[in-house]
Amino acid sequence: MKCMYCGHIDSKVIDSRSAEDGTTIRRRRECIHCGKRFTTYETVENTPMFVIKSDGTRQLFDAQKIKTGILKATEKCHVTMAEVDAVVDDISKQVYNSMEQEITSKQIGEMVMERIKKLDEVAYVRYASVYRSFKDLSSFMDELQKLMKKD
């Protein structure tokens, strides 16, 4: 690490500890050349994740949008906030662990549907009706029949 006082490249770490938020490491360093001390912070580099929408536009991944959709679908259902948060966390981890920088909104929608189906069938049908944008009653009934066959 380059010394901020003399510009020398070599320094040694005297002390390391987690910063308050737990996502940063604070390092106290001493310059090998001039002996002055300075502090550096080390954080994990976040690679931005983009969502490709059905119309081809791109936007940054936002887990809050997933949560909002799930909350609308689970309204008046017996699904706890802890369960909703667990689903959102699980999907976020899967998205970021994919090692890709882009994911389609269709892939995210399928992930949500897969998980919401396990929480509550009524919420699943609500979410599916919006996500799949059923054109008529027969396509809606087809989805209901698929759900009933799996039980």
N, C-alpha and C. Protein backbone atom coordinates (compact mmCIF):
# COMPACT_ATOMS: atom_id res chain seq x y z
N MET A 1 0.86 -1.17 0.00
CA MET A 1 0.00 0.00 0.00
C MET A 1 0.90 1.24 0.00
N LYS A 2 0.62 2.16 -0.85
CA LYS A 2 1.42 3.37 -1.00
C LYS A 2 1.21 4.30 0.19
N CYS A 3 2.30 4.77 0.77
CA CYS A 3 2.25 5.69 1.92
C CYS A 3 1.69 7.04 1.47
N MET A 4 0.74 7.54 2.23
CA MET A 4 0.13 8.83 1.88
C MET A 4 1.03 10.02 2.22
N TYR A 5 2.09 9.78 2.99
CA TYR A 5 3.00 10.86 3.39
C TYR A 5 4.20 10.99 2.47
N CYS A 6 4.88 9.87 2.20
CA CYS A 6 6.10 9.95 1.40
C CYS A 6 5.98 9.28 0.03
N GLY A 7 4.88 8.54 -0.19
CA GLY A 7 4.67 7.90 -1.48
C GLY A 7 5.38 6.57 -1.66
N HIS A 8 6.09 6.12 -0.63
CA HIS A 8 6.79 4.84 -0.71
C HIS A 8 5.76 3.71 -0.82
N ILE A 9 6.11 2.68 -1.58
CA ILE A 9 5.14 1.62 -1.87
C ILE A 9 4.99 0.60 -0.74
N ASP A 10 6.03 0.35 0.01
CA ASP A 10 5.98 -0.69 1.04
C ASP A 10 5.50 -0.16 2.39
N SER A 11 4.59 -0.94 2.98
CA SER A 11 4.12 -0.65 4.34
C SER A 11 3.82 -1.98 5.00
N LYS A 12 3.75 -1.95 6.32
CA LYS A 12 3.39 -3.18 7.02
C LYS A 12 2.12 -2.96 7.82
N VAL A 13 1.35 -4.04 7.97
CA VAL A 13 0.10 -3.97 8.72
C VAL A 13 0.43 -4.15 10.20
N ILE A 14 -0.01 -3.18 11.01
CA ILE A 14 0.22 -3.23 12.45
C ILE A 14 -0.99 -3.84 13.16
N ASP A 15 -2.18 -3.51 12.69
CA ASP A 15 -3.42 -3.96 13.34
C ASP A 15 -4.52 -4.10 12.30
N SER A 16 -5.33 -5.15 12.44
CA SER A 16 -6.50 -5.36 11.57
C SER A 16 -7.70 -5.66 12.45
N ARG A 17 -8.81 -5.06 12.11
CA ARG A 17 -10.06 -5.37 12.83
C ARG A 17 -11.24 -5.04 11.95
N SER A 18 -12.37 -5.68 12.26
CA SER A 18 -13.60 -5.41 11.51
C SER A 18 -14.10 -4.02 11.85
N ALA A 19 -14.62 -3.35 10.84
CA ALA A 19 -15.26 -2.07 11.08
C ALA A 19 -16.64 -2.34 11.68
N GLU A 20 -17.34 -1.29 12.07
CA GLU A 20 -18.62 -1.41 12.76
C GLU A 20 -19.65 -2.24 12.01
N ASP A 21 -19.73 -2.07 10.70
CA ASP A 21 -20.78 -2.75 9.94
C ASP A 21 -20.47 -4.21 9.63
N GLY A 22 -19.26 -4.67 9.87
CA GLY A 22 -18.88 -6.06 9.64
C GLY A 22 -18.58 -6.40 8.19
N THR A 23 -18.72 -5.44 7.29
CA THR A 23 -18.44 -5.70 5.88
C THR A 23 -17.12 -5.08 5.43
N THR A 24 -16.45 -4.43 6.36
CA THR A 24 -15.20 -3.74 6.06
C THR A 24 -14.15 -4.12 7.08
N ILE A 25 -12.90 -4.23 6.62
CA ILE A 25 -11.78 -4.47 7.54
C ILE A 25 -10.94 -3.20 7.60
N ARG A 26 -10.70 -2.74 8.79
CA ARG A 26 -9.87 -1.56 9.03
C ARG A 26 -8.46 -2.03 9.31
N ARG A 27 -7.49 -1.50 8.56
CA ARG A 27 -6.09 -1.89 8.74
C ARG A 27 -5.25 -0.66 9.11
N ARG A 28 -4.53 -0.78 10.19
CA ARG A 28 -3.58 0.27 10.60
C ARG A 28 -2.23 -0.14 10.03
N ARG A 29 -1.61 0.76 9.26
CA ARG A 29 -0.35 0.45 8.58
C ARG A 29 0.76 1.40 9.00
N GLU A 30 1.99 0.94 8.81
CA GLU A 30 3.16 1.77 9.07
C GLU A 30 4.06 1.71 7.84
N CYS A 31 4.48 2.88 7.38
CA CYS A 31 5.36 2.97 6.21
C CYS A 31 6.74 2.44 6.57
N ILE A 32 7.29 1.60 5.74
CA ILE A 32 8.62 1.05 5.96
C ILE A 32 9.68 2.14 5.79
N HIS A 33 9.43 3.11 4.94
CA HIS A 33 10.42 4.15 4.63
C HIS A 33 10.44 5.28 5.65
N CYS A 34 9.29 5.92 5.92
CA CYS A 34 9.27 7.10 6.79
C CYS A 34 8.78 6.81 8.20
N GLY A 35 8.16 5.64 8.43
CA GLY A 35 7.71 5.27 9.77
C GLY A 35 6.37 5.86 10.18
N LYS A 36 5.77 6.66 9.33
CA LYS A 36 4.46 7.24 9.68
C LYS A 36 3.37 6.18 9.53
N ARG A 37 2.31 6.39 10.31
CA ARG A 37 1.20 5.44 10.31
C ARG A 37 -0.02 6.03 9.61
N PHE A 38 -0.79 5.14 8.99
CA PHE A 38 -2.03 5.55 8.31
C PHE A 38 -3.00 4.37 8.32
N THR A 39 -4.26 4.67 8.03
CA THR A 39 -5.32 3.66 8.08
C THR A 39 -5.87 3.43 6.68
N THR A 40 -6.13 2.15 6.37
CA THR A 40 -6.79 1.79 5.12
C THR A 40 -8.00 0.94 5.45
N TYR A 41 -8.94 0.87 4.50
CA TYR A 41 -10.14 0.06 4.67
C TYR A 41 -10.25 -0.89 3.48
N GLU A 42 -10.58 -2.14 3.78
CA GLU A 42 -10.74 -3.15 2.75
C GLU A 42 -12.19 -3.61 2.73
N THR A 43 -12.79 -3.60 1.54
CA THR A 43 -14.18 -4.04 1.39
C THR A 43 -14.28 -5.03 0.23
N VAL A 44 -15.35 -5.79 0.22
CA VAL A 44 -15.61 -6.71 -0.87
C VAL A 44 -16.10 -5.90 -2.06
N GLU A 45 -15.58 -6.22 -3.23
CA GLU A 45 -16.00 -5.51 -4.43
C GLU A 45 -17.31 -6.12 -4.92
N ASN A 46 -18.33 -5.29 -5.04
CA ASN A 46 -19.62 -5.75 -5.53
C ASN A 46 -19.71 -5.54 -7.03
N THR A 47 -19.96 -6.64 -7.74
CA THR A 47 -20.16 -6.55 -9.17
C THR A 47 -21.63 -6.26 -9.42
N PRO A 48 -21.94 -5.24 -10.18
CA PRO A 48 -23.35 -4.94 -10.41
C PRO A 48 -24.03 -6.07 -11.19
N MET A 49 -25.26 -6.36 -10.81
CA MET A 49 -26.06 -7.38 -11.49
C MET A 49 -27.18 -6.66 -12.23
N PHE A 50 -27.32 -6.99 -13.50
CA PHE A 50 -28.35 -6.36 -14.32
C PHE A 50 -29.45 -7.35 -14.65
N VAL A 51 -30.68 -6.84 -14.68
CA VAL A 51 -31.85 -7.63 -15.05
C VAL A 51 -32.26 -7.20 -16.45
N ILE A 52 -32.40 -8.19 -17.34
CA ILE A 52 -32.86 -7.92 -18.70
C ILE A 52 -34.38 -8.12 -18.70
N LYS A 53 -35.09 -7.04 -18.91
CA LYS A 53 -36.55 -7.07 -18.89
C LYS A 53 -37.08 -7.68 -20.20
N SER A 54 -38.35 -8.03 -20.23
CA SER A 54 -38.94 -8.67 -21.41
C SER A 54 -38.91 -7.75 -22.64
N ASP A 55 -38.89 -6.44 -22.43
CA ASP A 55 -38.82 -5.51 -23.57
C ASP A 55 -37.38 -5.23 -24.01
N GLY A 56 -36.41 -5.91 -23.37
CA GLY A 56 -35.00 -5.77 -23.76
C GLY A 56 -34.23 -4.72 -22.98
N THR A 57 -34.91 -3.94 -22.17
CA THR A 57 -34.20 -2.93 -21.37
C THR A 57 -33.47 -3.59 -20.22
N ARG A 58 -32.45 -2.91 -19.71
CA ARG A 58 -31.65 -3.41 -18.60
C ARG A 58 -31.79 -2.47 -17.42
N GLN A 59 -31.83 -3.06 -16.22
CA GLN A 59 -31.82 -2.26 -15.01
C GLN A 59 -31.10 -3.03 -13.92
N LEU A 60 -30.62 -2.31 -12.92
CA LEU A 60 -29.91 -2.95 -11.83
C LEU A 60 -30.85 -3.87 -11.05
N PHE A 61 -30.30 -5.00 -10.61
CA PHE A 61 -31.06 -5.95 -9.80
C PHE A 61 -31.43 -5.26 -8.49
N ASP A 62 -32.70 -5.41 -8.10
CA ASP A 62 -33.20 -4.80 -6.87
C ASP A 62 -34.06 -5.82 -6.14
N ALA A 63 -33.52 -6.37 -5.06
CA ALA A 63 -34.23 -7.39 -4.28
C ALA A 63 -35.53 -6.85 -3.70
N GLN A 64 -35.59 -5.55 -3.49
CA GLN A 64 -36.80 -4.95 -2.93
C GLN A 64 -37.99 -5.13 -3.88
N LYS A 65 -37.74 -5.14 -5.18
CA LYS A 65 -38.83 -5.34 -6.15
C LYS A 65 -39.39 -6.76 -6.02
N ILE A 66 -38.52 -7.72 -5.77
CA ILE A 66 -38.97 -9.10 -5.56
C ILE A 66 -39.84 -9.16 -4.30
N LYS A 67 -39.36 -8.52 -3.25
CA LYS A 67 -40.10 -8.52 -1.98
C LYS A 67 -41.48 -7.88 -2.16
N THR A 68 -41.55 -6.77 -2.88
CA THR A 68 -42.82 -6.09 -3.12
C THR A 68 -43.80 -7.00 -3.86
N GLY A 69 -43.32 -7.70 -4.87
CA GLY A 69 -44.17 -8.62 -5.63
C GLY A 69 -44.68 -9.76 -4.77
N ILE A 70 -43.81 -10.30 -3.93
CA ILE A 70 -44.21 -11.41 -3.05
C ILE A 70 -45.22 -10.91 -2.01
N LEU A 71 -44.98 -9.72 -1.47
CA LEU A 71 -45.91 -9.17 -0.48
C LEU A 71 -47.30 -8.95 -1.06
N LYS A 72 -47.37 -8.49 -2.31
CA LYS A 72 -48.67 -8.30 -2.96
C LYS A 72 -49.37 -9.64 -3.13
N ALA A 73 -48.61 -10.67 -3.52
CA ALA A 73 -49.20 -11.98 -3.75
C ALA A 73 -49.63 -12.66 -2.45
N THR A 74 -48.91 -12.39 -1.37
CA THR A 74 -49.19 -13.07 -0.10
C THR A 74 -50.10 -12.27 0.82
N GLU A 75 -50.58 -11.14 0.32
CA GLU A 75 -51.49 -10.32 1.12
C GLU A 75 -52.70 -11.14 1.54
N LYS A 76 -53.04 -11.08 2.80
CA LYS A 76 -54.16 -11.82 3.39
C LYS A 76 -53.94 -13.33 3.39
N CYS A 77 -52.71 -13.78 3.23
CA CYS A 77 -52.37 -15.20 3.34
C CYS A 77 -51.60 -15.39 4.64
N HIS A 78 -51.47 -16.61 5.05
CA HIS A 78 -50.75 -16.91 6.29
C HIS A 78 -49.27 -17.13 6.02
N VAL A 79 -48.63 -16.10 5.52
CA VAL A 79 -47.19 -16.13 5.24
C VAL A 79 -46.55 -15.05 6.09
N THR A 80 -45.53 -15.42 6.85
CA THR A 80 -44.88 -14.46 7.74
C THR A 80 -43.85 -13.62 6.99
N MET A 81 -43.51 -12.49 7.57
CA MET A 81 -42.45 -11.64 6.99
C MET A 81 -41.12 -12.38 6.97
N ALA A 82 -40.88 -13.21 7.99
CA ALA A 82 -39.64 -13.99 8.03
C ALA A 82 -39.56 -14.93 6.83
N GLU A 83 -40.69 -15.53 6.46
CA GLU A 83 -40.72 -16.42 5.30
C GLU A 83 -40.48 -15.64 4.01
N VAL A 84 -41.09 -14.48 3.90
CA VAL A 84 -40.89 -13.63 2.72
C VAL A 84 -39.43 -13.21 2.62
N ASP A 85 -38.86 -12.74 3.74
CA ASP A 85 -37.46 -12.32 3.74
C ASP A 85 -36.53 -13.48 3.39
N ALA A 86 -36.85 -14.69 3.87
CA ALA A 86 -36.02 -15.86 3.56
C ALA A 86 -36.05 -16.16 2.06
N VAL A 87 -37.22 -16.03 1.44
CA VAL A 87 -37.33 -16.26 0.00
C VAL A 87 -36.52 -15.21 -0.76
N VAL A 88 -36.66 -13.95 -0.37
CA VAL A 88 -35.94 -12.87 -1.05
C VAL A 88 -34.42 -13.06 -0.89
N ASP A 89 -33.98 -13.41 0.32
CA ASP A 89 -32.55 -13.65 0.55
C ASP A 89 -32.04 -14.82 -0.29
N ASP A 90 -32.84 -15.88 -0.35
CA ASP A 90 -32.46 -17.07 -1.10
C ASP A 90 -32.32 -16.75 -2.60
N ILE A 91 -33.27 -16.02 -3.13
CA ILE A 91 -33.22 -15.65 -4.55
C ILE A 91 -32.04 -14.72 -4.81
N SER A 92 -31.82 -13.75 -3.92
CA SER A 92 -30.69 -12.82 -4.10
C SER A 92 -29.36 -13.58 -4.11
N LYS A 93 -29.22 -14.51 -3.20
CA LYS A 93 -27.99 -15.32 -3.16
C LYS A 93 -27.81 -16.11 -4.45
N GLN A 94 -28.90 -16.72 -4.92
CA GLN A 94 -28.83 -17.50 -6.15
C GLN A 94 -28.45 -16.61 -7.33
N VAL A 95 -29.02 -15.42 -7.39
CA VAL A 95 -28.72 -14.49 -8.49
C VAL A 95 -27.24 -14.09 -8.46
N TYR A 96 -26.74 -13.69 -7.30
CA TYR A 96 -25.35 -13.24 -7.20
C TYR A 96 -24.35 -14.39 -7.30
N ASN A 97 -24.74 -15.59 -6.89
CA ASN A 97 -23.84 -16.74 -6.96
C ASN A 97 -23.79 -17.36 -8.35
N SER A 98 -24.61 -16.86 -9.26
CA SER A 98 -24.64 -17.42 -10.61
C SER A 98 -23.37 -17.10 -11.39
N MET A 99 -22.58 -16.16 -10.89
CA MET A 99 -21.33 -15.74 -11.53
C MET A 99 -21.57 -15.05 -12.88
N GLU A 100 -22.79 -14.67 -13.14
CA GLU A 100 -23.13 -13.91 -14.34
C GLU A 100 -23.36 -12.47 -13.93
N GLN A 101 -23.31 -11.57 -14.89
CA GLN A 101 -23.59 -10.17 -14.60
C GLN A 101 -24.98 -9.76 -15.05
N GLU A 102 -25.66 -10.68 -15.76
CA GLU A 102 -27.00 -10.39 -16.23
C GLU A 102 -27.90 -11.60 -15.99
N ILE A 103 -29.15 -11.32 -15.73
CA ILE A 103 -30.16 -12.36 -15.56
C ILE A 103 -31.45 -11.80 -16.14
N THR A 104 -32.28 -12.67 -16.69
CA THR A 104 -33.53 -12.18 -17.27
C THR A 104 -34.61 -12.09 -16.19
N SER A 105 -35.55 -11.21 -16.41
CA SER A 105 -36.67 -11.09 -15.47
C SER A 105 -37.48 -12.38 -15.46
N LYS A 106 -37.47 -13.10 -16.58
CA LYS A 106 -38.17 -14.39 -16.65
C LYS A 106 -37.54 -15.39 -15.70
N GLN A 107 -36.21 -15.44 -15.65
CA GLN A 107 -35.53 -16.35 -14.73
C GLN A 107 -35.86 -16.01 -13.27
N ILE A 108 -35.87 -14.74 -12.96
CA ILE A 108 -36.19 -14.31 -11.59
C ILE A 108 -37.64 -14.67 -11.27
N GLY A 109 -38.54 -14.43 -12.20
CA GLY A 109 -39.94 -14.76 -12.00
C GLY A 109 -40.14 -16.25 -11.74
N GLU A 110 -39.41 -17.08 -12.46
CA GLU A 110 -39.51 -18.54 -12.25
C GLU A 110 -38.98 -18.93 -10.87
N MET A 111 -37.90 -18.28 -10.44
CA MET A 111 -37.36 -18.54 -9.09
C MET A 111 -38.39 -18.19 -8.03
N VAL A 112 -39.03 -17.05 -8.20
CA VAL A 112 -40.05 -16.61 -7.24
C VAL A 112 -41.21 -17.60 -7.23
N MET A 113 -41.68 -17.98 -8.41
CA MET A 113 -42.82 -18.89 -8.48
C MET A 113 -42.50 -20.24 -7.83
N GLU A 114 -41.31 -20.73 -8.07
CA GLU A 114 -40.89 -22.01 -7.49
C GLU A 114 -40.95 -21.97 -5.96
N ARG A 115 -40.52 -20.86 -5.38
CA ARG A 115 -40.46 -20.75 -3.93
C ARG A 115 -41.81 -20.37 -3.31
N ILE A 116 -42.55 -19.51 -4.00
CA ILE A 116 -43.82 -19.05 -3.45
C ILE A 116 -44.85 -20.19 -3.45
N LYS A 117 -44.69 -21.12 -4.39
CA LYS A 117 -45.59 -22.27 -4.46
C LYS A 117 -45.51 -23.09 -3.18
N LYS A 118 -44.32 -23.16 -2.59
CA LYS A 118 -44.11 -23.92 -1.35
C LYS A 118 -44.69 -23.19 -0.13
N LEU A 119 -44.81 -21.87 -0.23
CA LEU A 119 -45.34 -21.09 0.90
C LEU A 119 -46.86 -21.14 0.99
N ASP A 120 -47.51 -20.85 -0.14
CA ASP A 120 -48.96 -20.75 -0.12
C ASP A 120 -49.49 -20.88 -1.55
N GLU A 121 -50.44 -21.80 -1.76
CA GLU A 121 -50.96 -22.04 -3.11
C GLU A 121 -51.76 -20.85 -3.64
N VAL A 122 -52.50 -20.18 -2.79
CA VAL A 122 -53.28 -19.02 -3.23
C VAL A 122 -52.33 -17.90 -3.66
N ALA A 123 -51.29 -17.69 -2.88
CA ALA A 123 -50.30 -16.67 -3.24
C ALA A 123 -49.62 -17.03 -4.56
N TYR A 124 -49.38 -18.32 -4.76
CA TYR A 124 -48.77 -18.77 -6.01
C TYR A 124 -49.67 -18.43 -7.20
N VAL A 125 -50.95 -18.70 -7.08
CA VAL A 125 -51.89 -18.42 -8.17
C VAL A 125 -51.98 -16.91 -8.42
N ARG A 126 -51.98 -16.12 -7.36
CA ARG A 126 -51.99 -14.66 -7.53
C ARG A 126 -50.75 -14.19 -8.28
N TYR A 127 -49.59 -14.68 -7.83
CA TYR A 127 -48.34 -14.27 -8.47
C TYR A 127 -48.31 -14.73 -9.92
N ALA A 128 -48.71 -15.98 -10.15
CA ALA A 128 -48.69 -16.53 -11.50
C ALA A 128 -49.63 -15.76 -12.43
N SER A 129 -50.77 -15.32 -11.91
CA SER A 129 -51.72 -14.60 -12.76
C SER A 129 -51.13 -13.28 -13.26
N VAL A 130 -50.33 -12.64 -12.44
CA VAL A 130 -49.68 -11.39 -12.86
C VAL A 130 -48.44 -11.69 -13.70
N TYR A 131 -47.62 -12.60 -13.21
CA TYR A 131 -46.35 -12.92 -13.88
C TYR A 131 -46.57 -13.49 -15.28
N ARG A 132 -47.49 -14.43 -15.38
CA ARG A 132 -47.73 -15.08 -16.67
C ARG A 132 -48.73 -14.32 -17.52
N SER A 133 -49.32 -13.28 -16.97
CA SER A 133 -50.34 -12.45 -17.64
C SER A 133 -51.28 -13.29 -18.50
N PHE A 134 -52.09 -14.05 -17.82
CA PHE A 134 -53.04 -14.92 -18.50
C PHE A 134 -53.94 -14.09 -19.42
N LYS A 135 -54.11 -14.58 -20.63
CA LYS A 135 -54.90 -13.86 -21.63
C LYS A 135 -56.39 -14.13 -21.49
N ASP A 136 -56.70 -15.33 -20.99
CA ASP A 136 -58.11 -15.70 -20.87
C ASP A 136 -58.28 -16.69 -19.73
N LEU A 137 -59.52 -17.09 -19.50
CA LEU A 137 -59.84 -17.99 -18.40
C LEU A 137 -59.26 -19.38 -18.62
N SER A 138 -59.18 -19.84 -19.86
CA SER A 138 -58.67 -21.20 -20.11
C SER A 138 -57.19 -21.32 -19.76
N SER A 139 -56.40 -20.30 -20.04
CA SER A 139 -54.98 -20.36 -19.69
C SER A 139 -54.81 -20.31 -18.17
N PHE A 140 -55.68 -19.59 -17.50
CA PHE A 140 -55.68 -19.54 -16.03
C PHE A 140 -56.05 -20.91 -15.47
N MET A 141 -57.07 -21.54 -16.06
CA MET A 141 -57.51 -22.87 -15.61
C MET A 141 -56.42 -23.92 -15.86
N ASP A 142 -55.68 -23.79 -16.96
CA ASP A 142 -54.58 -24.72 -17.24
C ASP A 142 -53.56 -24.68 -16.11
N GLU A 143 -53.24 -23.48 -15.65
CA GLU A 143 -52.26 -23.33 -14.55
C GLU A 143 -52.81 -23.92 -13.26
N LEU A 144 -54.09 -23.72 -13.00
CA LEU A 144 -54.72 -24.30 -11.80
C LEU A 144 -54.70 -25.83 -11.86
N GLN A 145 -54.97 -26.37 -13.03
CA GLN A 145 -54.97 -27.84 -13.17
C GLN A 145 -53.58 -28.41 -12.97
N LYS A 146 -52.55 -27.71 -13.46
CA LYS A 146 -51.17 -28.16 -13.22
C LYS A 146 -50.87 -28.19 -11.73
N LEU A 147 -51.34 -27.16 -11.05
CA LEU A 147 -51.12 -27.08 -9.60
C LEU A 147 -51.85 -28.21 -8.88
N MET A 148 -53.06 -28.52 -9.31
CA MET A 148 -53.84 -29.58 -8.66
C MET A 148 -53.26 -30.96 -8.93
N LYS A 149 -52.69 -31.18 -10.10
CA LYS A 149 -52.09 -32.49 -10.45
C LYS A 149 -50.85 -32.79 -9.63
N LYS A 150 -50.13 -31.76 -9.24
CA LYS A 150 -48.88 -31.97 -8.50
C LYS A 150 -49.12 -32.39 -7.06
N ASP A 151 -50.32 -32.18 -6.54
CA ASP A 151 -50.64 -32.55 -5.15
C ASP A 151 -50.96 -33.99 -5.00
